[in-house]
């Protein structure tokens, strides 16, 4: 009952927002947290978890997911800059993407509509990279497009990481005119799809060394292997590790979206 009350009232309650915050939040972060879906979801043969830092000072990063029948939509976005305009760019991009898919647009069409909308609002002065993906929760078939973003990683159920490849179509809003290619990958039960922004891998320590791709993937694999930790707790610890590596303060947004396909093993899902 308490959970239902909180969920029903927090969307219009400033009292709730004040109680859960430990310090002031910037305008861009205010927009982003009102834009994003909850950071944890489990059901329909899938688990989704997400994390975004710095939580109170985020600029142009955003993630999105939604369920339509047996199709799970996934998206991650990284707008240029780290200011309020970057937050506005991310909001426009995510909203345009949602608008397109709710009208039945394909992945390629959705990314083109995002680009068209950004061009209408900003010309070519603002752009955003991203991955848009659809996961068929009955078959495990993953379709995705790469709009100038870092390539996704699939952590196989057996523990092997595979970096997916897809020709990039260029950032949305840059109007490069590159063809949009829809790539496909077959997931197996227990496979996890990892989407992220460069704030994770490129966070530098005091010695100038980046957190790095290998450390990032190894961390997720080690902490979530064999059901040791649920996805959301794994990502919470990951963000602490990234922040610690960067001496407690990030120079860029760091976002990660992790989705696991159960493939009919719904009873084994851990939210």
Protein backbone atom coordinates (compact mmCIF):
# COMPACT_ATOMS: atom_id res chain seq x y z
CA UNK A 1 0.00 0.00 0.00
CA UNK A 2 2.83 2.40 0.85
CA UNK A 3 4.48 1.67 -2.51
CA UNK A 4 1.23 2.32 -4.38
CA UNK A 5 0.74 5.61 -2.53
CA UNK A 6 4.26 6.76 -3.35
CA UNK A 7 3.95 5.80 -7.02
CA UNK A 8 0.58 7.47 -7.41
CA UNK A 9 1.53 10.74 -5.68
CA UNK A 10 5.15 11.40 -6.56
CA UNK A 11 4.35 12.59 -10.08
CA UNK A 12 2.56 15.65 -8.66
CA UNK A 13 4.14 15.99 -5.20
CA UNK A 14 6.95 18.46 -4.54
CA UNK A 15 7.06 17.18 -0.97
CA UNK A 16 8.17 13.76 -2.20
CA UNK A 17 10.87 15.29 -4.41
CA UNK A 18 12.23 17.36 -1.52
CA UNK A 19 12.30 14.40 0.85
CA UNK A 20 14.25 12.07 -1.44
CA UNK A 21 16.92 14.60 -2.50
CA UNK A 22 20.10 15.13 -0.55
CA UNK A 23 21.17 18.30 -2.42
CA UNK A 24 19.98 20.73 -5.13
CA UNK A 25 19.48 19.39 -8.66
CA UNK A 26 20.32 21.29 -11.84
CA UNK A 27 17.71 22.08 -14.49
CA UNK A 28 18.94 19.50 -17.00
CA UNK A 29 18.76 16.73 -14.38
CA UNK A 30 15.28 17.88 -13.39
CA UNK A 31 14.19 17.36 -17.00
CA UNK A 32 15.98 14.02 -17.41
CA UNK A 33 14.57 12.36 -14.30
CA UNK A 34 11.05 13.39 -15.29
CA UNK A 35 11.70 11.93 -18.75
CA UNK A 36 13.18 8.51 -17.97
CA UNK A 37 11.20 5.39 -17.04
CA UNK A 38 11.90 3.68 -13.70
CA UNK A 39 15.47 2.36 -13.33
CA UNK A 40 14.30 -1.22 -12.75
CA UNK A 41 11.74 -3.48 -14.43
CA UNK A 42 11.10 -7.23 -14.44
CA UNK A 43 8.45 -9.23 -16.29
CA UNK A 44 7.45 -10.72 -19.64
CA UNK A 45 10.67 -12.77 -19.92
CA UNK A 46 12.94 -9.77 -19.36
CA UNK A 47 14.73 -7.73 -16.73
CA UNK A 48 15.78 -4.15 -17.44
CA UNK A 49 17.96 -2.01 -15.21
CA UNK A 50 19.52 1.40 -15.75
CA UNK A 51 21.78 3.87 -13.96
CA UNK A 52 22.67 7.48 -14.72
CA UNK A 53 25.30 9.67 -13.06
CA UNK A 54 25.93 12.35 -11.91
CA UNK A 55 22.34 12.10 -10.72
CA UNK A 56 22.02 15.74 -9.64
CA UNK A 57 24.05 17.30 -12.46
CA UNK A 58 23.35 15.17 -15.53
CA UNK A 59 23.44 16.98 -18.86
CA UNK A 60 22.63 15.24 -22.15
CA UNK A 61 22.48 11.52 -21.40
CA UNK A 62 19.18 9.64 -21.38
CA UNK A 63 17.86 6.09 -21.55
CA UNK A 64 14.45 4.75 -22.49
CA UNK A 65 12.57 1.46 -22.59
CA UNK A 66 8.98 0.42 -23.14
CA UNK A 67 6.98 -2.76 -23.59
CA UNK A 68 4.54 -3.24 -26.48
CA UNK A 69 2.96 -6.67 -26.48
CA UNK A 70 5.91 -9.05 -26.78
CA UNK A 71 8.32 -6.38 -28.02
CA UNK A 72 10.72 -4.56 -25.70
CA UNK A 73 11.93 -1.20 -26.99
CA UNK A 74 15.34 -0.06 -25.71
CA UNK A 75 17.24 3.15 -26.31
CA UNK A 76 20.24 5.06 -25.04
CA UNK A 77 21.15 8.63 -26.02
CA UNK A 78 24.12 10.96 -25.57
CA UNK A 79 23.62 14.59 -26.61
CA UNK A 80 26.54 16.88 -27.36
CA UNK A 81 27.52 19.17 -24.51
CA UNK A 82 26.91 19.08 -20.79
CA UNK A 83 24.51 21.92 -20.15
CA UNK A 84 20.80 22.71 -20.06
CA UNK A 85 20.64 22.80 -23.87
CA UNK A 86 22.10 19.27 -23.93
CA UNK A 87 19.27 18.23 -21.61
CA UNK A 88 16.74 19.88 -23.91
CA UNK A 89 18.28 18.06 -26.90
CA UNK A 90 17.99 14.72 -25.11
CA UNK A 91 14.39 15.44 -24.11
CA UNK A 92 13.42 16.34 -27.68
CA UNK A 93 15.17 13.24 -29.04
CA UNK A 94 13.56 10.78 -26.60
CA UNK A 95 10.13 12.37 -27.04
CA UNK A 96 10.43 12.25 -30.83
CA UNK A 97 11.50 8.60 -30.65
CA UNK A 98 8.52 7.71 -28.46
CA UNK A 99 6.18 9.63 -30.73
CA UNK A 100 7.45 7.73 -33.77
CA UNK A 101 7.26 4.24 -32.29
CA UNK A 102 3.79 4.90 -30.83
CA UNK A 103 2.68 5.57 -34.39
CA UNK A 104 4.12 2.23 -35.48
CA UNK A 105 7.35 3.52 -37.03
CA UNK A 106 10.24 1.12 -37.57
CA UNK A 107 13.63 1.58 -35.89
CA UNK A 108 15.09 3.25 -38.96
CA UNK A 109 12.05 5.51 -39.38
CA UNK A 110 12.13 6.43 -35.69
CA UNK A 111 15.77 7.51 -35.87
CA UNK A 112 15.05 9.56 -38.99
CA UNK A 113 12.14 11.28 -37.25
CA UNK A 114 14.40 12.11 -34.30
CA UNK A 115 16.89 13.67 -36.72
CA UNK A 116 14.15 15.59 -38.55
CA UNK A 117 12.78 16.95 -35.27
CA UNK A 118 16.22 18.04 -34.02
CA UNK A 119 16.93 19.75 -37.36
CA UNK A 120 13.64 21.62 -37.13
CA UNK A 121 14.48 22.86 -33.63
CA UNK A 122 18.24 23.42 -33.78
CA UNK A 123 19.32 23.23 -37.41
CA UNK A 124 22.55 21.21 -37.35
CA UNK A 125 23.96 22.97 -34.28
CA UNK A 126 22.84 20.20 -31.91
CA UNK A 127 23.05 16.45 -32.37
CA UNK A 128 22.74 13.27 -30.34
CA UNK A 129 24.21 9.80 -30.71
CA UNK A 130 22.19 6.75 -29.78
CA UNK A 131 21.28 3.11 -30.08
CA UNK A 132 17.65 2.18 -30.77
CA UNK A 133 16.74 -1.48 -30.35
CA UNK A 134 13.75 -3.84 -30.37
CA UNK A 135 13.90 -7.18 -28.57
CA UNK A 136 11.31 -9.85 -29.40
CA UNK A 137 10.58 -11.39 -26.00
CA UNK A 138 9.19 -14.58 -27.53
CA UNK A 139 12.09 -15.40 -29.87
CA UNK A 140 15.03 -13.43 -28.46
CA UNK A 141 15.58 -11.73 -31.81
CA UNK A 142 17.29 -8.36 -31.34
CA UNK A 143 17.06 -5.65 -34.02
CA UNK A 144 18.96 -2.37 -33.62
CA UNK A 145 20.30 0.72 -35.34
CA UNK A 146 23.51 2.57 -34.58
CA UNK A 147 23.30 6.36 -34.76
CA UNK A 148 26.98 7.17 -34.22
CA UNK A 149 27.09 5.57 -30.79
CA UNK A 150 29.37 3.13 -28.98
CA UNK A 151 28.66 -0.46 -29.97
CA UNK A 152 26.51 -2.60 -27.66
CA UNK A 153 27.89 -5.63 -25.86
CA UNK A 154 26.08 -8.93 -25.34
CA UNK A 155 27.22 -10.87 -22.29
CA UNK A 156 26.35 -14.45 -23.13
CA UNK A 157 24.73 -16.73 -20.57
CA UNK A 158 27.94 -18.74 -20.52
CA UNK A 159 29.97 -15.67 -19.56
CA UNK A 160 31.47 -14.70 -22.93
CA UNK A 161 31.20 -11.03 -23.94
CA UNK A 162 30.52 -10.22 -27.62
CA UNK A 163 30.67 -6.70 -29.02
CA UNK A 164 28.01 -6.31 -31.69
CA UNK A 165 28.73 -4.52 -34.95
CA UNK A 166 26.50 -2.40 -37.17
CA UNK A 167 27.36 0.30 -39.74
CA UNK A 168 26.81 3.71 -38.08
CA UNK A 169 24.36 6.13 -39.65
CA UNK A 170 25.87 9.17 -37.95
CA UNK A 171 24.53 11.19 -35.00
CA UNK A 172 20.88 12.23 -35.14
CA UNK A 173 20.70 15.92 -35.96
CA UNK A 174 24.02 16.11 -37.80
CA UNK A 175 22.35 15.55 -41.21
CA UNK A 176 25.21 13.49 -42.63
CA UNK A 177 22.87 11.66 -45.00
CA UNK A 178 24.29 8.21 -44.24
CA UNK A 179 22.05 5.16 -44.76
CA UNK A 180 20.38 3.73 -41.65
CA UNK A 181 21.11 0.00 -41.37
CA UNK A 182 18.98 -2.28 -39.18
CA UNK A 183 21.17 -5.06 -37.78
CA UNK A 184 19.97 -8.25 -36.08
CA UNK A 185 21.34 -10.61 -33.44
CA UNK A 186 19.89 -13.79 -31.98
CA UNK A 187 19.98 -13.87 -28.18
CA UNK A 188 19.94 -17.05 -26.14
CA UNK A 189 18.14 -17.45 -22.79
CA UNK A 190 20.11 -15.66 -20.10
CA UNK A 191 21.97 -13.32 -22.49
CA UNK A 192 22.34 -9.71 -21.33
CA UNK A 193 22.44 -6.67 -23.62
CA UNK A 194 24.64 -3.83 -22.40
CA UNK A 195 24.15 -0.28 -23.71
CA UNK A 196 26.26 2.57 -22.35
CA UNK A 197 27.63 6.07 -22.94
CA UNK A 198 31.27 7.11 -23.09
CA UNK A 199 31.14 8.60 -19.59
CA UNK A 200 31.49 5.02 -18.31
CA UNK A 201 34.48 3.83 -20.29
CA UNK A 202 36.29 7.16 -20.64
CA UNK A 203 36.19 8.24 -16.99
CA UNK A 204 39.83 8.96 -16.08
CA UNK A 205 41.53 8.36 -12.76
CA UNK A 206 44.16 10.55 -11.11
CA UNK A 207 46.81 8.71 -13.13
CA UNK A 208 45.07 9.65 -16.38
CA UNK A 209 44.02 6.07 -17.17
CA UNK A 210 40.49 5.46 -18.40
CA UNK A 211 38.08 3.16 -16.61
CA UNK A 212 38.09 1.29 -19.90
CA UNK A 213 35.92 -1.17 -21.77
CA UNK A 214 37.58 -4.29 -20.40
CA UNK A 215 37.18 -3.23 -16.77
CA UNK A 216 33.58 -2.17 -17.43
CA UNK A 217 32.50 -5.48 -18.97
CA UNK A 218 34.50 -7.55 -16.46
CA UNK A 219 32.85 -5.70 -13.57
CA UNK A 220 29.33 -6.44 -14.84
CA UNK A 221 30.19 -10.07 -15.58
CA UNK A 222 31.82 -10.65 -12.19
CA UNK A 223 29.08 -9.08 -10.08
CA UNK A 224 26.11 -10.52 -11.96
CA UNK A 225 27.56 -13.96 -12.75
CA UNK A 226 25.52 -16.95 -11.63
CA UNK A 227 22.82 -14.74 -10.11
CA UNK A 228 25.24 -13.36 -7.51
CA UNK A 229 23.57 -9.94 -7.63
CA UNK A 230 20.43 -8.61 -9.36
CA UNK A 231 20.95 -6.28 -12.30
CA UNK A 232 20.11 -3.08 -10.47
CA UNK A 233 22.49 -3.78 -7.59
CA UNK A 234 25.20 -4.65 -10.10
CA UNK A 235 24.76 -1.27 -11.81
CA UNK A 236 24.65 0.58 -8.48
CA UNK A 237 28.02 -0.90 -7.57
CA UNK A 238 29.34 -0.20 -11.06
CA UNK A 239 28.53 3.50 -10.72
CA UNK A 240 30.25 3.61 -7.33
CA UNK A 241 33.33 2.03 -8.95
CA UNK A 242 33.30 4.56 -11.82
CA UNK A 243 32.91 7.47 -9.40
CA UNK A 244 35.68 6.15 -7.16
CA UNK A 245 37.95 5.77 -10.19
CA UNK A 246 37.25 9.40 -11.11
CA UNK A 247 37.90 10.70 -7.58
CA UNK A 248 34.22 11.08 -6.76
CA UNK A 249 33.24 13.53 -9.50
CA UNK A 250 32.54 12.88 -13.18
CA UNK A 251 33.42 15.30 -15.99
CA UNK A 252 30.85 13.69 -18.31
CA UNK A 253 27.52 11.92 -17.93
CA UNK A 254 27.78 8.16 -17.39
CA UNK A 255 24.78 6.03 -18.32
CA UNK A 256 24.28 2.29 -18.64
CA UNK A 257 21.22 0.25 -19.65
CA UNK A 258 21.28 -3.50 -19.09
CA UNK A 259 18.58 -5.90 -20.31
CA UNK A 260 18.44 -9.65 -19.75
CA UNK A 261 16.29 -11.99 -21.84
CA UNK A 262 15.04 -14.99 -19.86
CA UNK A 263 13.76 -16.90 -22.88
CA UNK A 264 10.82 -18.62 -21.21
CA UNK A 265 12.49 -18.93 -17.80
CA UNK A 266 10.21 -16.25 -16.32
CA UNK A 267 10.10 -17.93 -12.92
CA UNK A 268 13.88 -17.45 -12.60
CA UNK A 269 13.78 -13.69 -13.01
CA UNK A 270 15.05 -11.69 -10.05
CA UNK A 271 13.77 -8.08 -10.05
